PDB file of N, CA and C in Angstrom:
ATOM      1  N   MET A   1      34.645 -91.622  90.030  1.00  0.00           N
ATOM      2  CA  MET A   1      33.798 -91.091  91.069  1.00  0.00           C
ATOM      3  C   MET A   1      32.808 -90.078  90.478  1.00  0.00           C
ATOM      4  N   LEU A   2      33.269 -89.280  89.505  1.00  0.00           N
ATOM      5  CA  LEU A   2      32.371 -88.321  88.885  1.00  0.00           C
ATOM      6  C   LEU A   2      31.322 -89.017  88.022  1.00  0.00           C
ATOM      7  N   ASN A   3      31.632 -90.208  87.553  1.00  0.00           N
ATOM      8  CA  ASN A   3      30.677 -90.944  86.730  1.00  0.00           C
ATOM      9  C   ASN A   3      29.453 -91.375  87.533  1.00  0.00           C
ATOM     10  N   ASN A   4      29.619 -91.545  88.821  1.00  0.00           N
ATOM     11  CA  ASN A   4      28.516 -91.989  89.675  1.00  0.00           C
ATOM     12  C   ASN A   4      27.543 -90.852  89.988  1.00  0.00           C
ATOM     13  N   ILE A   5      27.944 -89.601  89.765  1.00  0.00           N
ATOM     14  CA  ILE A   5      27.076 -88.461  90.071  1.00  0.00           C
ATOM     15  C   ILE A   5      26.163 -88.213  88.875  1.00  0.00           C
ATOM     16  N   THR A   6      24.894 -88.425  89.052  1.00  0.00           N
ATOM     17  CA  THR A   6      23.898 -88.148  88.020  1.00  0.00           C
ATOM     18  C   THR A   6      22.828 -87.264  88.621  1.00  0.00           C
ATOM     19  N   LEU A   7      21.928 -86.816  87.796  1.00  0.00           N
ATOM     20  CA  LEU A   7      20.855 -85.945  88.255  1.00  0.00           C
ATOM     21  C   LEU A   7      19.908 -86.672  89.209  1.00  0.00           C
ATOM     22  N   LYS A   8      19.775 -87.985  89.046  1.00  0.00           N
ATOM     23  CA  LYS A   8      18.879 -88.762  89.927  1.00  0.00           C
ATOM     24  C   LYS A   8      19.453 -88.907  91.326  1.00  0.00           C
ATOM     25  N   ASN A   9      20.776 -88.887  91.426  1.00  0.00           N
ATOM     26  CA  ASN A   9      21.415 -89.092  92.730  1.00  0.00           C
ATOM     27  C   ASN A   9      21.482 -87.805  93.557  1.00  0.00           C
ATOM     28  N   LEU A  10      21.264 -86.650  92.939  1.00  0.00           N
ATOM     29  CA  LEU A  10      21.355 -85.377  93.669  1.00  0.00           C
ATOM     30  C   LEU A  10      20.125 -85.153  94.525  1.00  0.00           C
ATOM     31  N   LYS A  11      20.326 -84.437  95.626  1.00  0.00           N
ATOM     32  CA  LYS A  11      19.208 -84.096  96.508  1.00  0.00           C
ATOM     33  C   LYS A  11      18.398 -82.975  95.872  1.00  0.00           C
ATOM     34  N   ILE A  12      17.225 -82.741  96.376  1.00  0.00           N
ATOM     35  CA  ILE A  12      16.318 -81.730  95.826  1.00  0.00           C
ATOM     36  C   ILE A  12      16.934 -80.332  95.913  1.00  0.00           C
ATOM     37  N   GLY A  13      17.664 -80.023  96.988  1.00  0.00           N
ATOM     38  CA  GLY A  13      18.313 -78.718  97.136  1.00  0.00           C
ATOM     39  C   GLY A  13      19.365 -78.487  96.072  1.00  0.00           C
ATOM     40  N   ALA A  14      20.153 -79.516  95.759  1.00  0.00           N
ATOM     41  CA  ALA A  14      21.186 -79.395  94.728  1.00  0.00           C
ATOM     42  C   ALA A  14      20.558 -79.238  93.350  1.00  0.00           C
ATOM     43  N   LYS A  15      19.469 -79.977  93.095  1.00  0.00           N
ATOM     44  CA  LYS A  15      18.768 -79.835  91.817  1.00  0.00           C
ATOM     45  C   LYS A  15      18.209 -78.419  91.660  1.00  0.00           C
ATOM     46  N   PHE A  16      17.624 -77.908  92.733  1.00  0.00           N
ATOM     47  CA  PHE A  16      17.071 -76.553  92.712  1.00  0.00           C
ATOM     48  C   PHE A  16      18.175 -75.526  92.458  1.00  0.00           C
ATOM     49  N   ASN A  17      19.335 -75.721  93.102  1.00  0.00           N
ATOM     50  CA  ASN A  17      20.460 -74.805  92.893  1.00  0.00           C
ATOM     51  C   ASN A  17      20.955 -74.852  91.446  1.00  0.00           C
ATOM     52  N   LEU A  18      21.025 -76.026  90.864  1.00  0.00           N
ATOM     53  CA  LEU A  18      21.447 -76.146  89.466  1.00  0.00           C
ATOM     54  C   LEU A  18      20.478 -75.437  88.526  1.00  0.00           C
ATOM     55  N   ILE A  19      19.191 -75.592  88.772  1.00  0.00           N
ATOM     56  CA  ILE A  19      18.186 -74.920  87.940  1.00  0.00           C
ATOM     57  C   ILE A  19      18.298 -73.409  88.098  1.00  0.00           C
ATOM     58  N   LEU A  20      18.473 -72.939  89.321  1.00  0.00           N
ATOM     59  CA  LEU A  20      18.619 -71.492  89.550  1.00  0.00           C
ATOM     60  C   LEU A  20      19.878 -70.940  88.875  1.00  0.00           C
ATOM     61  N   ILE A  21      20.975 -71.690  88.946  1.00  0.00           N
ATOM     62  CA  ILE A  21      22.207 -71.254  88.296  1.00  0.00           C
ATOM     63  C   ILE A  21      22.007 -71.179  86.787  1.00  0.00           C
ATOM     64  N   LEU A  22      21.338 -72.178  86.217  1.00  0.00           N
ATOM     65  CA  LEU A  22      21.063 -72.192  84.785  1.00  0.00           C
ATOM     66  C   LEU A  22      20.199 -71.005  84.366  1.00  0.00           C
ATOM     67  N   VAL A  23      19.137 -70.754  85.134  1.00  0.00           N
ATOM     68  CA  VAL A  23      18.249 -69.620  84.846  1.00  0.00           C
ATOM     69  C   VAL A  23      19.011 -68.300  84.967  1.00  0.00           C
ATOM     70  N   PHE A  24      19.866 -68.193  85.978  1.00  0.00           N
ATOM     71  CA  PHE A  24      20.653 -66.979  86.182  1.00  0.00           C
ATOM     72  C   PHE A  24      21.594 -66.742  84.998  1.00  0.00           C
ATOM     73  N   ILE A  25      22.281 -67.765  84.543  1.00  0.00           N
ATOM     74  CA  ILE A  25      23.219 -67.630  83.421  1.00  0.00           C
ATOM     75  C   ILE A  25      22.477 -67.263  82.141  1.00  0.00           C
ATOM     76  N   VAL A  26      21.348 -67.914  81.883  1.00  0.00           N
ATOM     77  CA  VAL A  26      20.568 -67.611  80.682  1.00  0.00           C
ATOM     78  C   VAL A  26      20.035 -66.182  80.725  1.00  0.00           C
ATOM     79  N   SER A  27      19.558 -65.746  81.892  1.00  0.00           N
ATOM     80  CA  SER A  27      19.015 -64.383  81.990  1.00  0.00           C
ATOM     81  C   SER A  27      20.119 -63.333  81.847  1.00  0.00           C
ATOM     82  N   ILE A  28      21.307 -63.605  82.382  1.00  0.00           N
ATOM     83  CA  ILE A  28      22.428 -62.664  82.228  1.00  0.00           C
ATOM     84  C   ILE A  28      22.820 -62.560  80.756  1.00  0.00           C
ATOM     85  N   LEU A  29      22.909 -63.684  80.070  1.00  0.00           N
ATOM     86  CA  LEU A  29      23.253 -63.657  78.648  1.00  0.00           C
ATOM     87  C   LEU A  29      22.167 -62.955  77.834  1.00  0.00           C
ATOM     88  N   GLY A  30      20.924 -63.224  78.125  1.00  0.00           N
ATOM     89  CA  GLY A  30      19.820 -62.572  77.407  1.00  0.00           C
ATOM     90  C   GLY A  30      19.798 -61.071  77.621  1.00  0.00           C
ATOM     91  N   SER A  31      19.991 -60.644  78.859  1.00  0.00           N
ATOM     92  CA  SER A  31      19.988 -59.201  79.123  1.00  0.00           C
ATOM     93  C   SER A  31      21.214 -58.530  78.510  1.00  0.00           C
ATOM     94  N   GLY A  32      22.342 -59.233  78.456  1.00  0.00           N
ATOM     95  CA  GLY A  32      23.540 -58.681  77.813  1.00  0.00           C
ATOM     96  C   GLY A  32      23.332 -58.466  76.333  1.00  0.00           C
ATOM     97  N   VAL A  33      22.708 -59.428  75.673  1.00  0.00           N
ATOM     98  CA  VAL A  33      22.433 -59.294  74.239  1.00  0.00           C
ATOM     99  C   VAL A  33      21.448 -58.157  73.993  1.00  0.00           C
ATOM    100  N   ALA A  34      20.401 -58.070  74.830  1.00  0.00           N
ATOM    101  CA  ALA A  34      19.405 -57.006  74.667  1.00  0.00           C
ATOM    102  C   ALA A  34      20.031 -55.632  74.895  1.00  0.00           C
ATOM    103  N   LEU A  35      20.853 -55.508  75.932  1.00  0.00           N
ATOM    104  CA  LEU A  35      21.500 -54.225  76.223  1.00  0.00           C
ATOM    105  C   LEU A  35      22.472 -53.836  75.117  1.00  0.00           C
ATOM    106  N   SER A  36      23.216 -54.798  74.602  1.00  0.00           N
ATOM    107  CA  SER A  36      24.133 -54.519  73.505  1.00  0.00           C
ATOM    108  C   SER A  36      23.386 -54.027  72.275  1.00  0.00           C
ATOM    109  N   SER A  37      22.283 -54.665  71.966  1.00  0.00           N
ATOM    110  CA  SER A  37      21.480 -54.257  70.810  1.00  0.00           C
ATOM    111  C   SER A  37      20.920 -52.852  71.008  1.00  0.00           C
ATOM    112  N   LEU A  38      20.453 -52.563  72.213  1.00  0.00           N
ATOM    113  CA  LEU A  38      19.909 -51.239  72.512  1.00  0.00           C
ATOM    114  C   LEU A  38      20.970 -50.156  72.392  1.00  0.00           C
ATOM    115  N   LEU A  39      22.144 -50.404  72.954  1.00  0.00           N
ATOM    116  CA  LEU A  39      23.220 -49.414  72.890  1.00  0.00           C
ATOM    117  C   LEU A  39      23.728 -49.219  71.462  1.00  0.00           C
ATOM    118  N   GLN A  40      23.768 -50.290  70.689  1.00  0.00           N
ATOM    119  CA  GLN A  40      24.175 -50.182  69.288  1.00  0.00           C
ATOM    120  C   GLN A  40      23.186 -49.323  68.511  1.00  0.00           C
ATOM    121  N   GLY A  41      21.900 -49.528  68.751  1.00  0.00           N
ATOM    122  CA  GLY A  41      20.876 -48.732  68.079  1.00  0.00           C
ATOM    123  C   GLY A  41      20.954 -47.263  68.457  1.00  0.00           C
ATOM    124  N   ARG A  42      21.171 -46.994  69.748  1.00  0.00           N
ATOM    125  CA  ARG A  42      21.289 -45.596  70.194  1.00  0.00           C
ATOM    126  C   ARG A  42      22.508 -44.916  69.585  1.00  0.00           C
ATOM    127  N   ALA A  43      23.622 -45.626  69.533  1.00  0.00           N
ATOM    128  CA  ALA A  43      24.835 -45.046  68.936  1.00  0.00           C
ATOM    129  C   ALA A  43      24.623 -44.766  67.454  1.00  0.00           C
ATOM    130  N   GLN A  44      23.958 -45.679  66.771  1.00  0.00           N
ATOM    131  CA  GLN A  44      23.694 -45.477  65.348  1.00  0.00           C
ATOM    132  C   GLN A  44      22.771 -44.280  65.138  1.00  0.00           C
ATOM    133  N   ASN A  45      21.748 -44.147  65.973  1.00  0.00           N
ATOM    134  CA  ASN A  45      20.840 -43.003  65.862  1.00  0.00           C
ATOM    135  C   ASN A  45      21.565 -41.685  66.131  1.00  0.00           C
ATOM    136  N   GLU A  46      22.484 -41.685  67.072  1.00  0.00           N
ATOM    137  CA  GLU A  46      23.236 -40.473  67.388  1.00  0.00           C
ATOM    138  C   GLU A  46      24.129 -40.061  66.219  1.00  0.00           C
ATOM    139  N   VAL A  47      24.774 -41.024  65.595  1.00  0.00           N
ATOM    140  CA  VAL A  47      25.630 -40.725  64.442  1.00  0.00           C
ATOM    141  C   VAL A  47      24.792 -40.177  63.289  1.00  0.00           C
ATOM    142  N   VAL A  48      23.638 -40.780  63.046  1.00  0.00           N
ATOM    143  CA  VAL A  48      22.756 -40.301  61.973  1.00  0.00           C
ATOM    144  C   VAL A  48      22.284 -38.884  62.277  1.00  0.00           C
ATOM    145  N   TYR A  49      21.938 -38.610  63.540  1.00  0.00           N
ATOM    146  CA  TYR A  49      21.474 -37.280  63.931  1.00  0.00           C
ATOM    147  C   TYR A  49      22.575 -36.229  63.709  1.00  0.00           C
ATOM    148  N   GLN A  50      23.802 -36.556  64.124  1.00  0.00           N
ATOM    149  CA  GLN A  50      24.914 -35.618  63.948  1.00  0.00           C
ATOM    150  C   GLN A  50      25.217 -35.392  62.458  1.00  0.00           C
ATOM    151  N   ALA A  51      25.109 -36.442  61.663  1.00  0.00           N
ATOM    152  CA  ALA A  51      25.341 -36.305  60.223  1.00  0.00           C
ATOM    153  C   ALA A  51      24.279 -35.424  59.579  1.00  0.00           C
ATOM    154  N   GLU A  52      23.027 -35.583  60.011  1.00  0.00           N
ATOM    155  CA  GLU A  52      21.960 -34.742  59.462  1.00  0.00           C
ATOM    156  C   GLU A  52      22.170 -33.279  59.828  1.00  0.00           C
ATOM    157  N   ILE A  53      22.626 -33.016  61.035  1.00  0.00           N
ATOM    158  CA  ILE A  53      22.915 -31.635  61.438  1.00  0.00           C
ATOM    159  C   ILE A  53      24.036 -31.058  60.567  1.00  0.00           C
ATOM    160  N   LEU A  54      25.068 -31.851  60.333  1.00  0.00           N
ATOM    161  CA  LEU A  54      26.187 -31.388  59.509  1.00  0.00           C
ATOM    162  C   LEU A  54      25.742 -31.126  58.077  1.00  0.00           C
ATOM    163  N   ILE A  55      24.916 -31.988  57.524  1.00  0.00           N
ATOM    164  CA  ILE A  55      24.408 -31.792  56.163  1.00  0.00           C
ATOM    165  C   ILE A  55      23.543 -30.542  56.094  1.00  0.00           C
ATOM    166  N   GLN A  56      22.701 -30.320  57.092  1.00  0.00           N
ATOM    167  CA  GLN A  56      21.864 -29.119  57.107  1.00  0.00           C
ATOM    168  C   GLN A  56      22.714 -27.859  57.205  1.00  0.00           C
ATOM    169  N   MET A  57      23.807 -27.930  57.983  1.00  0.00           N
ATOM    170  CA  MET A  57      24.682 -26.765  58.104  1.00  0.00           C
ATOM    171  C   MET A  57      25.346 -26.448  56.766  1.00  0.00           C
ATOM    172  N   VAL A  58      25.841 -27.477  56.084  1.00  0.00           N
ATOM    173  CA  VAL A  58      26.495 -27.260  54.788  1.00  0.00           C
ATOM    174  C   VAL A  58      25.483 -26.739  53.770  1.00  0.00           C
ATOM    175  N   ASN A  59      24.278 -27.263  53.783  1.00  0.00           N
ATOM    176  CA  ASN A  59      23.243 -26.767  52.872  1.00  0.00           C
ATOM    177  C   ASN A  59      22.878 -25.318  53.179  1.00  0.00           C
ATOM    178  N   ALA A  60      22.861 -24.957  54.463  1.00  0.00           N
ATOM    179  CA  ALA A  60      22.568 -23.571  54.830  1.00  0.00           C
ATOM    180  C   ALA A  60      23.659 -22.631  54.318  1.00  0.00           C
ATOM    181  N   VAL A  61      24.901 -23.048  54.432  1.00  0.00           N
ATOM    182  CA  VAL A  61      26.008 -22.226  53.921  1.00  0.00           C
ATOM    183  C   VAL A  61      25.916 -22.108  52.405  1.00  0.00           C
ATOM    184  N   ARG A  62      25.591 -23.211  51.742  1.00  0.00           N
ATOM    185  CA  ARG A  62      25.455 -23.199  50.288  1.00  0.00           C
ATOM    186  C   ARG A  62      24.322 -22.253  49.858  1.00  0.00           C
ATOM    187  N   ASN A  63      23.199 -22.335  50.543  1.00  0.00           N
ATOM    188  CA  ASN A  63      22.072 -21.445  50.213  1.00  0.00           C
ATOM    189  C   ASN A  63      22.405 -19.986  50.489  1.00  0.00           C
ATOM    190  N   TYR A  64      23.107 -19.727  51.584  1.00  0.00           N
ATOM    191  CA  TYR A  64      23.517 -18.360  51.904  1.00  0.00           C
ATOM    192  C   TYR A  64      24.425 -17.811  50.804  1.00  0.00           C
ATOM    193  N   THR A  65      25.364 -18.629  50.376  1.00  0.00           N
ATOM    194  CA  THR A  65      26.272 -18.186  49.316  1.00  0.00           C
ATOM    195  C   THR A  65      25.511 -17.926  48.029  1.00  0.00           C
ATOM    196  N   GLN A  66      24.599 -18.828  47.703  1.00  0.00           N
ATOM    197  CA  GLN A  66      23.831 -18.690  46.469  1.00  0.00           C
ATOM    198  C   GLN A  66      22.954 -17.439  46.488  1.00  0.00           C
ATOM    199  N   ASN A  67      22.322 -17.160  47.628  1.00  0.00           N
ATOM    200  CA  ASN A  67      21.353 -16.064  47.693  1.00  0.00           C
ATOM    201  C   ASN A  67      21.963 -14.715  48.052  1.00  0.00           C
ATOM    202  N   ARG A  68      23.060 -14.697  48.797  1.00  0.00           N
ATOM    203  CA  ARG A  68      23.599 -13.423  49.280  1.00  0.00           C
ATOM    204  C   ARG A  68      24.955 -13.055  48.675  1.00  0.00           C
ATOM    205  N   ILE A  69      25.846 -14.013  48.538  1.00  0.00           N
ATOM    206  CA  ILE A  69      27.204 -13.705  48.112  1.00  0.00           C
ATOM    207  C   ILE A  69      27.316 -13.613  46.587  1.00  0.00           C
ATOM    208  N   VAL A  70      26.697 -14.544  45.891  1.00  0.00           N
ATOM    209  CA  VAL A  70      26.792 -14.556  44.425  1.00  0.00           C
ATOM    210  C   VAL A  70      26.283 -13.247  43.819  1.00  0.00           C
ATOM    211  N   PRO A  71      25.128 -12.708  44.252  1.00  0.00           N
ATOM    212  CA  PRO A  71      24.697 -11.423  43.665  1.00  0.00           C
ATOM    213  C   PRO A  71      25.681 -10.280  43.918  1.00  0.00           C
ATOM    214  N   LEU A  72      26.408 -10.330  45.024  1.00  0.00           N
ATOM    215  CA  LEU A  72      27.383  -9.282  45.304  1.00  0.00           C
ATOM    216  C   LEU A  72      28.648  -9.423  44.461  1.00  0.00           C
ATOM    217  N   LEU A  73      29.013 -10.653  44.156  1.00  0.00           N
ATOM    218  CA  LEU A  73      30.258 -10.867  43.419  1.00  0.00           C
ATOM    219  C   LEU A  73      30.088 -10.916  41.904  1.00  0.00           C
ATOM    220  N   GLU A  74      28.895 -11.121  41.404  1.00  0.00           N
ATOM    221  CA  GLU A  74      28.690 -11.231  39.956  1.00  0.00           C
ATOM    222  C   GLU A  74      29.144  -9.986  39.187  1.00  0.00           C
ATOM    223  N   PRO A  75      28.863  -8.772  39.662  1.00  0.00           N
ATOM    224  CA  PRO A  75      29.373  -7.607  38.908  1.00  0.00           C
ATOM    225  C   PRO A  75      30.900  -7.580  38.824  1.00  0.00           C
ATOM    226  N   ARG A  76      31.573  -8.021  39.877  1.00  0.00           N
ATOM    227  CA  ARG A  76      33.035  -8.035  39.851  1.00  0.00           C
ATOM    228  C   ARG A  76      33.559  -9.090  38.878  1.00  0.00           C
ATOM    229  N   VAL A  77      32.864 -10.205  38.795  1.00  0.00           N
ATOM    230  CA  VAL A  77      33.303 -11.273  37.889  1.00  0.00           C
ATOM    231  C   VAL A  77      33.157 -10.821  36.449  1.00  0.00           C
ATOM    232  N   GLU A  78      32.111 -10.085  36.160  1.00  0.00           N
ATOM    233  CA  GLU A  78      31.910  -9.604  34.788  1.00  0.00           C
ATOM    234  C   GLU A  78      32.986  -8.610  34.383  1.00  0.00           C
ATOM    235  N   LEU A  79      33.461  -7.806  35.343  1.00  0.00           N
ATOM    236  CA  LEU A  79      34.502  -6.831  35.042  1.00  0.00           C
ATOM    237  C   LEU A  79      35.892  -7.475  35.014  1.00  0.00           C
ATOM    238  N   ASN A  80      36.106  -8.456  35.849  1.00  0.00           N
ATOM    239  CA  ASN A  80      37.411  -9.086  35.967  1.00  0.00           C
ATOM    240  C   ASN A  80      37.351 -10.469  35.320  1.00  0.00           C
ATOM    241  N   SER A  81      38.320 -10.806  34.532  1.00  0.00           N
ATOM    242  CA  SER A  81      38.279 -12.076  33.798  1.00  0.00           C
ATOM    243  C   SER A  81      38.839 -13.244  34.600  1.00  0.00           C
ATOM    244  N   THR A  82      39.368 -13.009  35.798  1.00  0.00           N
ATOM    245  CA  THR A  82      39.913 -14.113  36.592  1.00  0.00           C
ATOM    246  C   THR A  82      38.789 -14.839  37.335  1.00  0.00           C
ATOM    247  N   PHE A  83      39.006 -16.118  37.538  1.00  0.00           N
ATOM    248  CA  PHE A  83      38.006 -16.941  38.217  1.00  0.00           C
ATOM    249  C   PHE A  83      38.014 -16.652  39.715  1.00  0.00           C
ATOM    250  N   THR A  84      36.847 -16.445  40.290  1.00  0.00           N
ATOM    251  CA  THR A  84      36.698 -16.225  41.724  1.00  0.00           C
ATOM    252  C   THR A  84      35.975 -17.435  42.310  1.00  0.00           C
ATOM    253  N   PRO A  85      36.649 -18.284  43.088  1.00  0.00           N
ATOM    254  CA  PRO A  85      36.010 -19.494  43.591  1.00  0.00           C
ATOM    255  C   PRO A  85      34.895 -19.211  44.601  1.00  0.00           C
ATOM    256  N   GLU A  86      34.941 -18.049  45.236  1.00  0.00           N
ATOM    257  CA  GLU A  86      33.929 -17.723  46.226  1.00  0.00           C
ATOM    258  C   GLU A  86      32.531 -17.569  45.634  1.00  0.00           C
ATOM    259  N   ILE A  87      32.443 -17.435  44.330  1.00  0.00           N
ATOM    260  CA  ILE A  87      31.137 -17.238  43.702  1.00  0.00           C
ATOM    261  C   ILE A  87      30.361 -18.557  43.587  1.00  0.00           C
ATOM    262  N   THR A  88      31.052 -19.673  43.704  1.00  0.00           N
ATOM    263  CA  THR A  88      30.350 -20.956  43.624  1.00  0.00           C
ATOM    264  C   THR A  88      29.866 -21.360  45.015  1.00  0.00           C
ATOM    265  N   PRO A  89      28.597 -21.769  45.148  1.00  0.00           N
ATOM    266  CA  PRO A  89      28.060 -22.144  46.462  1.00  0.00           C
ATOM    267  C   PRO A  89      28.797 -23.330  47.091  1.00  0.00           C
ATOM    268  N   ASN A  90      29.261 -24.246  46.287  1.00  0.00           N
ATOM    269  CA  ASN A  90      29.951 -25.409  46.840  1.00  0.00           C
ATOM    270  C   ASN A  90      31.290 -25.047  47.461  1.00  0.00           C
ATOM    271  N   PHE A  91      31.926 -23.984  46.994  1.00  0.00           N
ATOM    272  CA  PHE A  91      33.209 -23.574  47.552  1.00  0.00           C
ATOM    273  C   PHE A  91      33.044 -23.184  49.017  1.00  0.00           C
ATOM    274  N   SER A  92      32.045 -22.384  49.316  1.00  0.00           N
ATOM    275  CA  SER A  92      31.822 -21.957  50.701  1.00  0.00           C
ATOM    276  C   SER A  92      31.482 -23.149  51.592  1.00  0.00           C
ATOM    277  N   ALA A  93      30.634 -24.033  51.099  1.00  0.00           N
ATOM    278  CA  ALA A  93      30.255 -25.207  51.895  1.00  0.00           C
ATOM    279  C   ALA A  93      31.476 -26.088  52.148  1.00  0.00           C
ATOM    280  N   LYS A  94      32.323 -26.242  51.132  1.00  0.00           N
ATOM    281  CA  LYS A  94      33.525 -27.058  51.284  1.00  0.00           C
ATOM    282  C   LYS A  94      34.489 -26.427  52.278  1.00  0.00           C
ATOM    283  N   GLU A  95      34.648 -25.111  52.209  1.00  0.00           N
ATOM    284  CA  GLU A  95      35.542 -24.419  53.136  1.00  0.00           C
ATOM    285  C   GLU A  95      35.051 -24.556  54.582  1.00  0.00           C
ATOM    286  N   VAL A  96      33.753 -24.400  54.795  1.00  0.00           N
ATOM    287  CA  VAL A  96      33.201 -24.550  56.146  1.00  0.00           C
ATOM    288  C   VAL A  96      33.384 -25.985  56.620  1.00  0.00           C
ATOM    289  N   PHE A  97      33.122 -26.936  55.739  1.00  0.00           N
ATOM    290  CA  PHE A  97      33.253 -28.344  56.097  1.00  0.00           C
ATOM    291  C   PHE A  97      34.703 -28.700  56.415  1.00  0.00           C
ATOM    292  N   GLU A  98      35.663 -28.127  55.714  1.00  0.00           N
ATOM    293  CA  GLU A  98      37.071 -28.400  55.989  1.00  0.00           C
ATOM    294  C   GLU A  98      37.539 -27.725  57.271  1.00  0.00           C
ATOM    295  N   ASN A  99      36.985 -26.562  57.597  1.00  0.00           N
ATOM    296  CA  ASN A  99      37.367 -25.863  58.828  1.00  0.00           C
ATOM    297  C   ASN A  99      36.649 -26.410  60.061  1.00  0.00           C
ATOM    298  N   PHE A 100      35.600 -27.157  59.854  1.00  0.00           N
ATOM    299  CA  PHE A 100      34.819 -27.694  60.966  1.00  0.00           C
ATOM    300  C   PHE A 100      35.639 -28.581  61.911  1.00  0.00           C
ATOM    301  N   PRO A 101      36.436 -29.538  61.418  1.00  0.00           N
ATOM    302  CA  PRO A 101      37.212 -30.377  62.349  1.00  0.00           C
ATOM    303  C   PRO A 101      38.359 -29.652  63.044  1.00  0.00           C
ATOM    304  N   LYS A 102      38.777 -28.508  62.509  1.00  0.00           N
ATOM    305  CA  LYS A 102      39.896 -27.784  63.109  1.00  0.00           C
ATOM    306  C   LYS A 102      39.516 -27.165  64.448  1.00  0.00           C
ATOM    307  N   ASN A 103      38.226 -26.865  64.636  1.00  0.00           N
ATOM    308  CA  ASN A 103      37.764 -26.284  65.890  1.00  0.00           C
ATOM    309  C   ASN A 103      37.315 -27.422  66.810  1.00  0.00           C
ATOM    310  N   PRO A 104      37.933 -27.500  68.002  1.00  0.00           N
ATOM    311  CA  PRO A 104      37.566 -28.606  68.902  1.00  0.00           C
ATOM    312  C   PRO A 104      36.156 -28.453  69.459  1.00  0.00           C
TER     313      PRO A 104
END
């Protein structure tokens, strides 16, 4: 019985409904793909933005240590023979970076 149903045997209303259903399905799939691509791009941009902020913060701490802390600690290092990790700019940046996830 289903073999007898062809596109030629359908009435104009049924043909129109089939075309509308096809267009509706194609448009839903197309808009879903477009929306997914848009949301993926926005999420990627947000992650890049947050990473750039974090890198700038670590660089600011490193520069602060280099320009302000090292000159204060250098006289003590010359008098004392023990290694002071705070005198290296990377130590401060690493400490800030490690403490960053601890604060919600």
